[in-house]
């Protein structure tokens, strides 16, 4: 009887050991496949045109260098004299995960940041498998679900020393624990996400929505209410601590947002930005179409009785687009609720699996070629 009671209470739901092992080996297999894919495309890309690739650290470009500067020198006390740019917008958790490579194993700076991101891709795949575990009970479904992460059309950011895979893993874990009423763990993961990227603080909306959605009898117990409150306070903790540090370091708690002006990012009406992108050609219009698709998927999540995912996805799409449509795609494609919605849609229409993977893999390969050719549409 005791075991039955435990299994019926979602607070105590744990993935079975066999399922946990299956998730792990599926994640490892697809992580290896994703690395092999990146290596092969980067090598072939260097045969023709202006693309240049010779070693893994060559993936480190653009934001990777900024994260490396945080790891190497910490946060600056002044901007660059020629551009007024600084490394203040780059939250600290991701460069901290590269610290062991750089300081303990003496891996070169660029390689340290790249390898940290690559290993966090494995964590991201595993976390997503846990997040969709209720919908992916067998090995075949696990492979299909995990392939959405391993062959993300913007998977280049998982191999190039960016914070995307760490952020993705934290958010996926947060949703996994929230769905099982592990409020402290969910809040803790949300706090880690907010220490990775600014939009991670938006998990607070998902947390509150999950809380309001829950009608479990636990609400009558004081300890359950305390756990919920602790988790709520943990959600924005990463960003709060970073702001306090920047206030002590620079005298401006919002300096990481203020310096975005040097990149031309000034918050405004997201609908105006979206409209402007739609009326342009080529990449801006494609990015705008991706934004619209993501917002439609957030509506789909709401209709699937996943309001916590719906409000989160809408928020993290609208916040970046309020400033600029440039780089909107990578903000969109590295959101666990987006891939969850796509997975549910593909399960409903299985004939679309192969066309979808062909498209995303082709897009990913094209991004790699552009990456090593120096085209800024990938940024």
Protein backbone atom coordinates (compact mmCIF):
# COMPACT_ATOMS: atom_id res chain seq x y z
CA UNK A 1 0.00 0.00 0.00
CA UNK A 2 2.83 2.38 0.81
CA UNK A 3 4.36 1.99 -2.64
CA UNK A 4 0.98 2.65 -4.26
CA UNK A 5 0.51 5.87 -2.30
CA UNK A 6 3.92 7.09 -3.32
CA UNK A 7 3.31 6.38 -6.99
CA UNK A 8 -0.01 8.26 -6.91
CA UNK A 9 1.48 11.42 -5.41
CA UNK A 10 3.20 13.49 -8.13
CA UNK A 11 5.56 14.97 -5.57
CA UNK A 12 7.32 11.64 -5.41
CA UNK A 13 7.38 10.83 -9.12
CA UNK A 14 10.85 9.83 -10.24
CA UNK A 15 11.89 8.40 -13.57
CA UNK A 16 12.44 4.64 -13.22
CA UNK A 17 16.05 3.58 -13.21
CA UNK A 18 15.70 1.80 -16.52
CA UNK A 19 14.11 4.91 -18.06
CA UNK A 20 16.79 7.16 -16.61
CA UNK A 21 19.52 4.99 -18.12
CA UNK A 22 17.72 4.94 -21.48
CA UNK A 23 17.52 8.74 -21.44
CA UNK A 24 21.23 8.95 -20.70
CA UNK A 25 22.44 6.63 -23.43
CA UNK A 26 20.10 8.17 -25.99
CA UNK A 27 21.47 11.59 -25.03
CA UNK A 28 25.07 10.38 -25.37
CA UNK A 29 24.45 8.79 -28.79
CA UNK A 30 22.80 11.90 -30.20
CA UNK A 31 25.41 14.18 -28.61
CA UNK A 32 28.14 12.21 -30.42
CA UNK A 33 26.11 12.38 -33.64
CA UNK A 34 25.68 16.15 -33.28
CA UNK A 35 29.42 16.64 -32.75
CA UNK A 36 30.24 14.42 -35.73
CA UNK A 37 27.77 16.38 -37.85
CA UNK A 38 29.35 19.71 -36.89
CA UNK A 39 32.86 18.38 -37.47
CA UNK A 40 31.99 16.96 -40.87
CA UNK A 41 30.17 20.07 -42.13
CA UNK A 42 32.88 22.42 -40.84
CA UNK A 43 35.58 20.34 -42.53
CA UNK A 44 33.75 20.17 -45.86
CA UNK A 45 32.94 23.90 -45.66
CA UNK A 46 36.64 24.70 -45.47
CA UNK A 47 37.29 22.96 -48.82
CA UNK A 48 35.60 25.69 -50.82
CA UNK A 49 35.02 29.43 -50.63
CA UNK A 50 36.30 31.56 -47.77
CA UNK A 51 35.26 29.28 -44.89
CA UNK A 52 38.19 28.50 -42.60
CA UNK A 53 38.28 25.66 -40.06
CA UNK A 54 41.16 23.61 -38.69
CA UNK A 55 40.41 22.85 -35.01
CA UNK A 56 37.57 22.86 -32.49
CA UNK A 57 38.57 26.20 -30.97
CA UNK A 58 37.96 27.82 -34.37
CA UNK A 59 34.25 27.64 -33.56
CA UNK A 60 34.84 30.40 -30.98
CA UNK A 61 33.61 33.60 -32.65
CA UNK A 62 31.63 36.71 -31.71
CA UNK A 63 29.93 36.22 -28.30
CA UNK A 64 32.27 33.35 -27.48
CA UNK A 65 35.07 35.88 -27.25
CA UNK A 66 33.05 38.02 -24.85
CA UNK A 67 32.40 35.04 -22.59
CA UNK A 68 36.11 34.26 -22.78
CA UNK A 69 36.91 37.80 -21.62
CA UNK A 70 34.71 37.28 -18.55
CA UNK A 71 36.52 34.02 -17.80
CA UNK A 72 39.98 35.51 -18.34
CA UNK A 73 39.67 39.01 -16.83
CA UNK A 74 36.32 39.22 -15.07
CA UNK A 75 33.97 42.10 -15.73
CA UNK A 76 35.61 45.26 -16.98
CA UNK A 77 35.45 48.57 -15.17
CA UNK A 78 35.17 50.62 -18.35
CA UNK A 79 34.06 50.26 -21.96
CA UNK A 80 36.21 49.86 -25.04
CA UNK A 81 37.26 53.36 -26.10
CA UNK A 82 36.37 52.98 -29.78
CA UNK A 83 32.95 51.26 -29.57
CA UNK A 84 31.72 51.84 -26.00
CA UNK A 85 31.13 48.07 -25.83
CA UNK A 86 31.89 45.97 -22.75
CA UNK A 87 31.38 42.42 -21.48
CA UNK A 88 28.74 43.44 -18.94
CA UNK A 89 25.69 41.94 -20.72
CA UNK A 90 27.13 38.42 -20.50
CA UNK A 91 25.89 36.70 -17.38
CA UNK A 92 28.45 34.77 -15.33
CA UNK A 93 27.25 31.18 -14.98
CA UNK A 94 28.32 29.95 -18.42
CA UNK A 95 31.91 31.31 -18.28
CA UNK A 96 32.16 29.86 -14.76
CA UNK A 97 31.46 26.39 -16.18
CA UNK A 98 34.47 26.86 -18.50
CA UNK A 99 36.70 27.69 -15.51
CA UNK A 100 37.86 24.08 -14.85
CA UNK A 101 38.99 23.66 -18.46
CA UNK A 102 40.91 26.93 -18.43
CA UNK A 103 42.36 26.98 -14.92
CA UNK A 104 42.66 23.32 -13.94
CA UNK A 105 43.38 21.57 -17.24
CA UNK A 106 45.09 24.54 -18.94
CA UNK A 107 43.03 24.30 -22.11
CA UNK A 108 43.45 27.47 -24.23
CA UNK A 109 40.80 30.12 -23.58
CA UNK A 110 38.82 29.63 -26.80
CA UNK A 111 38.88 25.85 -26.46
CA UNK A 112 37.77 26.04 -22.82
CA UNK A 113 34.65 28.03 -23.68
CA UNK A 114 33.83 25.85 -26.69
CA UNK A 115 34.20 22.58 -24.79
CA UNK A 116 32.08 23.87 -21.92
CA UNK A 117 29.27 24.59 -24.37
CA UNK A 118 29.65 21.23 -26.08
CA UNK A 119 29.36 19.30 -22.82
CA UNK A 120 26.36 21.38 -21.82
CA UNK A 121 24.68 20.29 -25.04
CA UNK A 122 24.73 16.75 -23.62
CA UNK A 123 23.09 18.08 -20.48
CA UNK A 124 20.53 19.95 -22.59
CA UNK A 125 19.57 16.81 -24.53
CA UNK A 126 19.20 14.81 -21.32
CA UNK A 127 17.16 17.56 -19.63
CA UNK A 128 14.81 17.77 -22.61
CA UNK A 129 14.31 13.99 -22.52
CA UNK A 130 13.27 14.28 -18.88
CA UNK A 131 10.96 17.17 -19.73
CA UNK A 132 9.14 15.11 -22.40
CA UNK A 133 9.39 11.80 -20.52
CA UNK A 134 5.61 11.53 -20.12
CA UNK A 135 5.19 11.74 -23.91
CA UNK A 136 8.24 9.66 -24.89
CA UNK A 137 7.92 6.31 -23.11
CA UNK A 138 9.95 4.14 -25.51
CA UNK A 139 13.38 4.29 -27.09
CA UNK A 140 12.15 5.32 -30.53
CA UNK A 141 10.24 8.28 -29.12
CA UNK A 142 13.25 9.28 -27.03
CA UNK A 143 15.46 9.37 -30.11
CA UNK A 144 12.92 11.44 -32.01
CA UNK A 145 12.51 13.90 -29.15
CA UNK A 146 16.24 14.24 -28.50
CA UNK A 147 16.96 14.78 -32.20
CA UNK A 148 15.07 18.07 -31.96
CA UNK A 149 17.84 19.35 -29.69
CA UNK A 150 20.84 17.59 -31.22
CA UNK A 151 19.93 18.76 -34.74
CA UNK A 152 18.38 22.08 -33.86
CA UNK A 153 18.63 24.36 -36.94
CA UNK A 154 20.68 26.74 -34.79
CA UNK A 155 22.72 24.01 -33.09
CA UNK A 156 25.87 25.90 -34.09
CA UNK A 157 25.48 27.84 -30.83
CA UNK A 158 25.92 24.64 -28.83
CA UNK A 159 29.31 24.07 -30.46
CA UNK A 160 30.64 27.62 -30.56
CA UNK A 161 31.11 28.63 -26.92
CA UNK A 162 27.71 30.25 -26.32
CA UNK A 163 25.45 30.04 -23.26
CA UNK A 164 22.47 28.60 -25.17
CA UNK A 165 22.81 24.90 -24.20
CA UNK A 166 23.36 25.66 -20.51
CA UNK A 167 20.37 27.99 -20.46
CA UNK A 168 18.27 25.40 -22.32
CA UNK A 169 19.23 22.66 -19.85
CA UNK A 170 18.37 24.80 -16.81
CA UNK A 171 14.96 25.76 -18.21
CA UNK A 172 14.14 22.18 -19.24
CA UNK A 173 15.07 20.90 -15.77
CA UNK A 174 13.00 23.68 -14.23
CA UNK A 175 9.89 22.67 -16.19
CA UNK A 176 10.52 19.02 -15.38
CA UNK A 177 10.62 19.64 -11.64
CA UNK A 178 7.72 22.11 -11.69
CA UNK A 179 5.53 19.50 -13.42
CA UNK A 180 6.30 17.14 -10.54
CA UNK A 181 5.83 19.78 -7.82
CA UNK A 182 9.48 19.81 -6.94
CA UNK A 183 9.17 23.49 -6.24
CA UNK A 184 12.54 24.14 -4.66
CA UNK A 185 14.39 22.31 -7.43
CA UNK A 186 12.30 24.09 -10.08
CA UNK A 187 13.03 27.47 -8.52
CA UNK A 188 16.71 26.61 -8.17
CA UNK A 189 16.97 25.69 -11.83
CA UNK A 190 15.14 28.88 -12.74
CA UNK A 191 17.66 30.80 -10.66
CA UNK A 192 20.53 29.15 -12.52
CA UNK A 193 18.88 30.02 -15.84
CA UNK A 194 18.64 33.66 -14.75
CA UNK A 195 22.36 33.57 -13.93
CA UNK A 196 23.00 32.31 -17.46
CA UNK A 197 20.93 34.71 -19.55
CA UNK A 198 18.75 37.66 -18.66
CA UNK A 199 15.59 36.14 -20.14
CA UNK A 200 16.01 33.23 -17.72
CA UNK A 201 14.33 35.37 -15.09
CA UNK A 202 11.10 34.93 -17.10
CA UNK A 203 10.80 31.43 -15.66
CA UNK A 204 9.28 33.28 -12.71
CA UNK A 205 6.13 33.67 -14.86
CA UNK A 206 6.08 29.95 -15.63
CA UNK A 207 6.61 29.12 -11.95
CA UNK A 208 3.72 31.30 -10.81
CA UNK A 209 1.50 29.89 -13.56
CA UNK A 210 2.37 26.32 -12.51
CA UNK A 211 1.58 27.23 -8.92
CA UNK A 212 -1.83 28.69 -9.83
CA UNK A 213 -2.54 25.74 -12.11
CA UNK A 214 -1.83 23.20 -9.37
CA UNK A 215 -4.78 22.01 -7.32
CA UNK A 216 -3.05 19.34 -5.28
CA UNK A 217 -4.04 18.62 -1.66
CA UNK A 218 -0.48 19.63 -0.66
CA UNK A 219 -1.72 23.21 -0.45
CA UNK A 220 -3.19 22.40 2.94
CA UNK A 221 0.23 21.59 4.40
CA UNK A 222 2.51 24.28 5.78
CA UNK A 223 5.70 22.59 4.52
CA UNK A 224 4.35 22.53 0.96
CA UNK A 225 3.55 26.23 1.09
CA UNK A 226 7.03 26.97 2.42
CA UNK A 227 8.62 24.93 -0.37
CA UNK A 228 6.62 26.83 -2.97
CA UNK A 229 7.63 30.16 -1.49
CA UNK A 230 11.31 29.18 -1.36
CA UNK A 231 11.17 28.08 -4.99
CA UNK A 232 9.51 31.36 -5.95
CA UNK A 233 12.28 33.36 -4.31
CA UNK A 234 14.95 31.25 -6.01
CA UNK A 235 13.66 31.90 -9.56
CA UNK A 236 15.16 35.41 -9.99
CA UNK A 237 18.10 34.85 -7.64
CA UNK A 238 20.76 34.51 -10.35
CA UNK A 239 19.90 37.81 -11.98
CA UNK A 240 19.46 39.51 -8.59
CA UNK A 241 22.93 38.45 -7.42
CA UNK A 242 24.47 39.52 -10.73
CA UNK A 243 22.81 42.93 -10.45
CA UNK A 244 24.07 43.32 -6.90
CA UNK A 245 27.57 42.43 -8.02
CA UNK A 246 27.46 44.93 -10.89
CA UNK A 247 26.16 47.60 -8.50
CA UNK A 248 29.15 46.98 -6.22
CA UNK A 249 31.56 46.67 -9.15
CA UNK A 250 30.31 49.47 -11.37
CA UNK A 251 27.85 51.46 -9.29
CA UNK A 252 25.03 50.55 -11.70
CA UNK A 253 22.90 47.46 -11.14
CA UNK A 254 21.40 47.77 -14.64
CA UNK A 255 24.69 48.29 -16.48
CA UNK A 256 24.33 45.00 -18.35
CA UNK A 257 21.17 46.39 -19.96
CA UNK A 258 22.44 49.92 -20.45
CA UNK A 259 25.45 48.75 -22.44
CA UNK A 260 23.15 47.01 -24.94
CA UNK A 261 22.78 50.44 -26.52
CA UNK A 262 26.30 50.04 -27.92
CA UNK A 263 24.96 47.07 -29.90
CA UNK A 264 22.01 49.12 -31.11
CA UNK A 265 19.52 47.33 -28.86
CA UNK A 266 16.98 49.77 -27.41
CA UNK A 267 13.73 48.30 -26.08
CA UNK A 268 10.55 49.42 -27.82
CA UNK A 269 7.30 48.05 -29.15
CA UNK A 270 7.89 44.44 -30.30
CA UNK A 271 5.03 44.70 -32.79
CA UNK A 272 6.74 47.64 -34.50
CA UNK A 273 10.00 45.67 -34.73
CA UNK A 274 8.16 42.63 -36.06
CA UNK A 275 6.32 44.72 -38.64
CA UNK A 276 9.60 46.31 -39.80
CA UNK A 277 11.21 42.89 -40.21
CA UNK A 278 8.27 41.48 -42.16
CA UNK A 279 8.49 44.31 -44.68
CA UNK A 280 12.15 43.63 -45.38
CA UNK A 281 13.59 40.89 -47.55
CA UNK A 282 15.65 37.75 -47.00
CA UNK A 283 16.85 37.07 -43.42
CA UNK A 284 14.81 39.74 -41.56
CA UNK A 285 11.60 38.38 -43.07
CA UNK A 286 12.57 34.79 -42.24
CA UNK A 287 13.38 35.76 -38.64
CA UNK A 288 10.04 37.57 -38.38
CA UNK A 289 8.27 34.45 -39.69
CA UNK A 290 10.01 32.40 -36.99
CA UNK A 291 8.80 34.87 -34.35
CA UNK A 292 5.22 34.57 -35.60
CA UNK A 293 5.50 30.77 -35.65
CA UNK A 294 6.83 30.75 -32.07
CA UNK A 295 3.95 32.93 -30.89
CA UNK A 296 1.47 30.62 -32.61
CA UNK A 297 3.10 27.65 -30.89
CA UNK A 298 2.68 29.41 -27.55
CA UNK A 299 -1.06 29.57 -28.31
CA UNK A 300 -0.92 25.87 -29.15
CA UNK A 301 0.72 25.14 -25.80
CA UNK A 302 -2.07 26.99 -24.03
CA UNK A 303 -4.64 24.85 -25.85
CA UNK A 304 -2.66 21.74 -24.80
CA UNK A 305 -3.23 22.80 -21.17
CA UNK A 306 0.39 23.89 -20.76
CA UNK A 307 -0.18 27.53 -19.75
CA UNK A 308 3.14 27.70 -17.90
CA UNK A 309 5.02 26.89 -21.10
CA UNK A 310 2.79 29.18 -23.16
CA UNK A 311 3.37 32.31 -21.08
CA UNK A 312 7.09 31.61 -20.82
CA UNK A 313 7.55 31.11 -24.56
CA UNK A 314 5.58 34.24 -25.42
CA UNK A 315 7.59 36.32 -22.93
CA UNK A 316 11.05 35.13 -24.02
CA UNK A 317 10.14 35.71 -27.68
CA UNK A 318 8.68 39.20 -27.23
CA UNK A 319 11.45 40.54 -24.97
CA UNK A 320 14.33 40.16 -27.50
CA UNK A 321 12.18 41.25 -30.45
CA UNK A 322 11.26 44.43 -28.58
CA UNK A 323 14.83 45.63 -29.15
CA UNK A 324 15.88 44.08 -32.47
CA UNK A 325 15.02 41.32 -34.89
CA UNK A 326 18.72 40.55 -35.41
CA UNK A 327 19.62 37.25 -33.71
CA UNK A 328 15.95 36.64 -32.88
CA UNK A 329 16.18 33.15 -34.34
CA UNK A 330 18.71 31.84 -31.84
CA UNK A 331 16.64 33.20 -28.94
CA UNK A 332 13.63 31.36 -30.32
CA UNK A 333 15.14 27.99 -31.20
CA UNK A 334 16.87 27.54 -27.84
CA UNK A 335 13.65 27.50 -25.82
CA UNK A 336 12.52 24.10 -24.45
CA UNK A 337 8.78 24.91 -24.72
CA UNK A 338 9.20 25.63 -28.44
CA UNK A 339 10.78 22.23 -29.11
CA UNK A 340 8.21 20.60 -26.83
CA UNK A 341 5.39 22.10 -28.91
CA UNK A 342 7.09 20.98 -32.13
CA UNK A 343 7.54 17.48 -30.72
CA UNK A 344 3.84 17.26 -29.80
CA UNK A 345 2.89 18.52 -33.26
CA UNK A 346 5.14 15.98 -34.98
CA UNK A 347 3.74 13.15 -32.86
CA UNK A 348 0.31 14.14 -34.08
CA UNK A 349 1.48 14.26 -37.71
CA UNK A 350 4.30 11.66 -37.88
CA UNK A 351 4.64 11.91 -41.66
CA UNK A 352 6.32 15.30 -41.12
CA UNK A 353 9.21 13.93 -39.06
CA UNK A 354 11.55 13.25 -41.99
CA UNK A 355 10.87 16.56 -43.81
CA UNK A 356 11.34 18.43 -40.54
CA UNK A 357 14.69 16.78 -39.70
CA UNK A 358 15.88 17.24 -43.29
CA UNK A 359 15.05 20.95 -43.09
CA UNK A 360 16.61 21.50 -39.66
CA UNK A 361 19.77 19.55 -40.49
CA UNK A 362 20.13 21.42 -43.77
CA UNK A 363 19.62 24.73 -41.99
CA UNK A 364 22.16 23.73 -39.35
CA UNK A 365 24.70 22.86 -42.03
CA UNK A 366 24.10 26.16 -43.78
CA UNK A 367 24.63 28.00 -40.49
CA UNK A 368 28.01 26.29 -40.06
CA UNK A 369 29.14 27.35 -43.53
CA UNK A 370 28.03 30.91 -42.80
CA UNK A 371 29.72 30.80 -39.42
CA UNK A 372 33.14 30.00 -40.83
CA UNK A 373 32.65 32.35 -43.75
CA UNK A 374 32.20 35.30 -41.39
CA UNK A 375 28.58 36.15 -42.28
CA UNK A 376 26.85 38.00 -39.48
CA UNK A 377 23.36 36.67 -40.26
CA UNK A 378 24.18 33.82 -37.89
CA UNK A 379 24.80 36.15 -34.95
